[in-house]
Amino acid sequence: MSKTADSRQMPCLVCNGRGFHTCGACYGGGVFYISKTRLRFDRTLEFYQDRLACTGCFSSGRTSCQACKGIGWVLQSERAAG
């Protein structure tokens, strides 16, 4: 028998068949917010947040699953262990 006859396609258990994970750096938001201050013309401080794109997921909020290479499916052997 060939190798393909002994295996079948199953959903990836690591990513639940989605093919991606939520980015751990930005938690799926795709951006970071950095708190900053600046001095106004009237000599008071102004607080604001600067929005930066996430470099971990390229602003998509998702990272590709390494177990299934982003496909969502893996080949599983049908042979019984024994």
Protein backbone atom coordinates (compact mmCIF):
# COMPACT_ATOMS: atom_id res chain seq x y z
CA MET A 1 0.00 0.00 0.00
CA SER A 2 1.09 3.56 -0.56
CA LYS A 3 1.72 6.10 2.17
CA THR A 4 -1.40 8.11 1.31
CA ALA A 5 -3.63 5.06 1.78
CA ASP A 6 -2.37 4.63 5.36
CA SER A 7 -3.11 8.20 6.43
CA ARG A 8 -6.07 10.52 6.40
CA GLN A 9 -6.57 14.24 6.57
CA MET A 10 -7.64 15.53 10.00
CA PRO A 11 -8.16 19.03 11.42
CA CYS A 12 -5.07 20.37 13.18
CA LEU A 13 -5.50 19.98 16.94
CA VAL A 14 -3.05 22.78 17.75
CA CYS A 15 -5.06 25.51 15.99
CA ASN A 16 -8.45 23.73 15.91
CA GLY A 17 -8.39 23.62 12.12
CA ARG A 18 -8.19 27.40 11.69
CA GLY A 19 -4.60 27.52 10.43
CA PHE A 20 -3.70 30.50 12.61
CA HIS A 21 -3.33 31.65 16.21
CA THR A 22 -4.13 34.99 17.77
CA CYS A 23 -0.95 37.06 17.90
CA GLY A 24 0.60 36.87 21.36
CA ALA A 25 2.34 40.24 21.03
CA CYS A 26 -0.71 42.42 20.29
CA TYR A 27 -3.41 39.94 21.42
CA GLY A 28 -5.15 40.08 18.05
CA GLY A 29 -5.45 43.86 17.83
CA GLY A 30 -2.74 44.33 15.22
CA VAL A 31 -1.43 47.48 16.93
CA PHE A 32 0.40 48.66 20.05
CA TYR A 33 -0.41 51.80 22.01
CA ILE A 34 2.51 53.63 23.58
CA SER A 35 1.79 56.32 26.16
CA LYS A 36 3.71 59.56 25.59
CA THR A 37 3.81 63.14 26.85
CA ARG A 38 4.58 66.44 25.19
CA LEU A 39 4.83 70.04 26.27
CA ARG A 40 2.10 72.37 25.03
CA PHE A 41 2.53 76.03 24.11
CA ASP A 42 1.08 77.09 27.47
CA ARG A 43 3.84 75.03 29.22
CA THR A 44 1.51 72.26 30.45
CA LEU A 45 2.00 68.57 29.78
CA GLU A 46 -0.26 66.74 27.38
CA PHE A 47 -0.65 62.96 27.64
CA TYR A 48 -1.46 60.99 24.51
CA GLN A 49 -1.09 57.53 23.01
CA ASP A 50 0.83 56.78 19.86
CA ARG A 51 -0.45 53.89 17.74
CA LEU A 52 2.20 51.56 16.24
CA ALA A 53 1.71 48.61 13.91
CA CYS A 54 2.52 45.18 15.37
CA THR A 55 5.65 43.72 13.81
CA GLY A 56 4.93 40.20 15.09
CA CYS A 57 1.88 39.67 12.89
CA PHE A 58 2.30 42.56 10.40
CA SER A 59 -0.90 44.20 11.76
CA SER A 60 -3.15 41.25 10.94
CA GLY A 61 -3.65 40.09 14.54
CA ARG A 62 -2.88 36.51 13.50
CA THR A 63 0.18 34.29 13.27
CA SER A 64 0.36 31.19 11.12
CA CYS A 65 0.15 27.80 12.88
CA GLN A 66 3.53 26.07 12.73
CA ALA A 67 2.10 22.58 13.26
CA CYS A 68 0.01 22.59 10.06
CA LYS A 69 1.93 25.36 8.21
CA GLY A 70 -1.22 27.53 8.11
CA ILE A 71 -3.36 25.00 6.22
CA GLY A 72 -5.55 23.88 9.13
CA TRP A 73 -5.23 20.19 8.27
CA VAL A 74 -2.65 17.49 9.05
CA LEU A 75 -2.15 13.95 7.85
CA GLN A 76 -2.72 11.37 10.57
CA SER A 77 -1.77 7.72 10.37
CA GLU A 78 -4.62 5.23 10.45
CA ARG A 79 -2.43 2.39 11.71
CA ALA A 80 -3.20 1.18 15.20
CA ALA A 81 -0.37 1.48 17.68
CA GLY A 82 0.64 -1.87 18.92
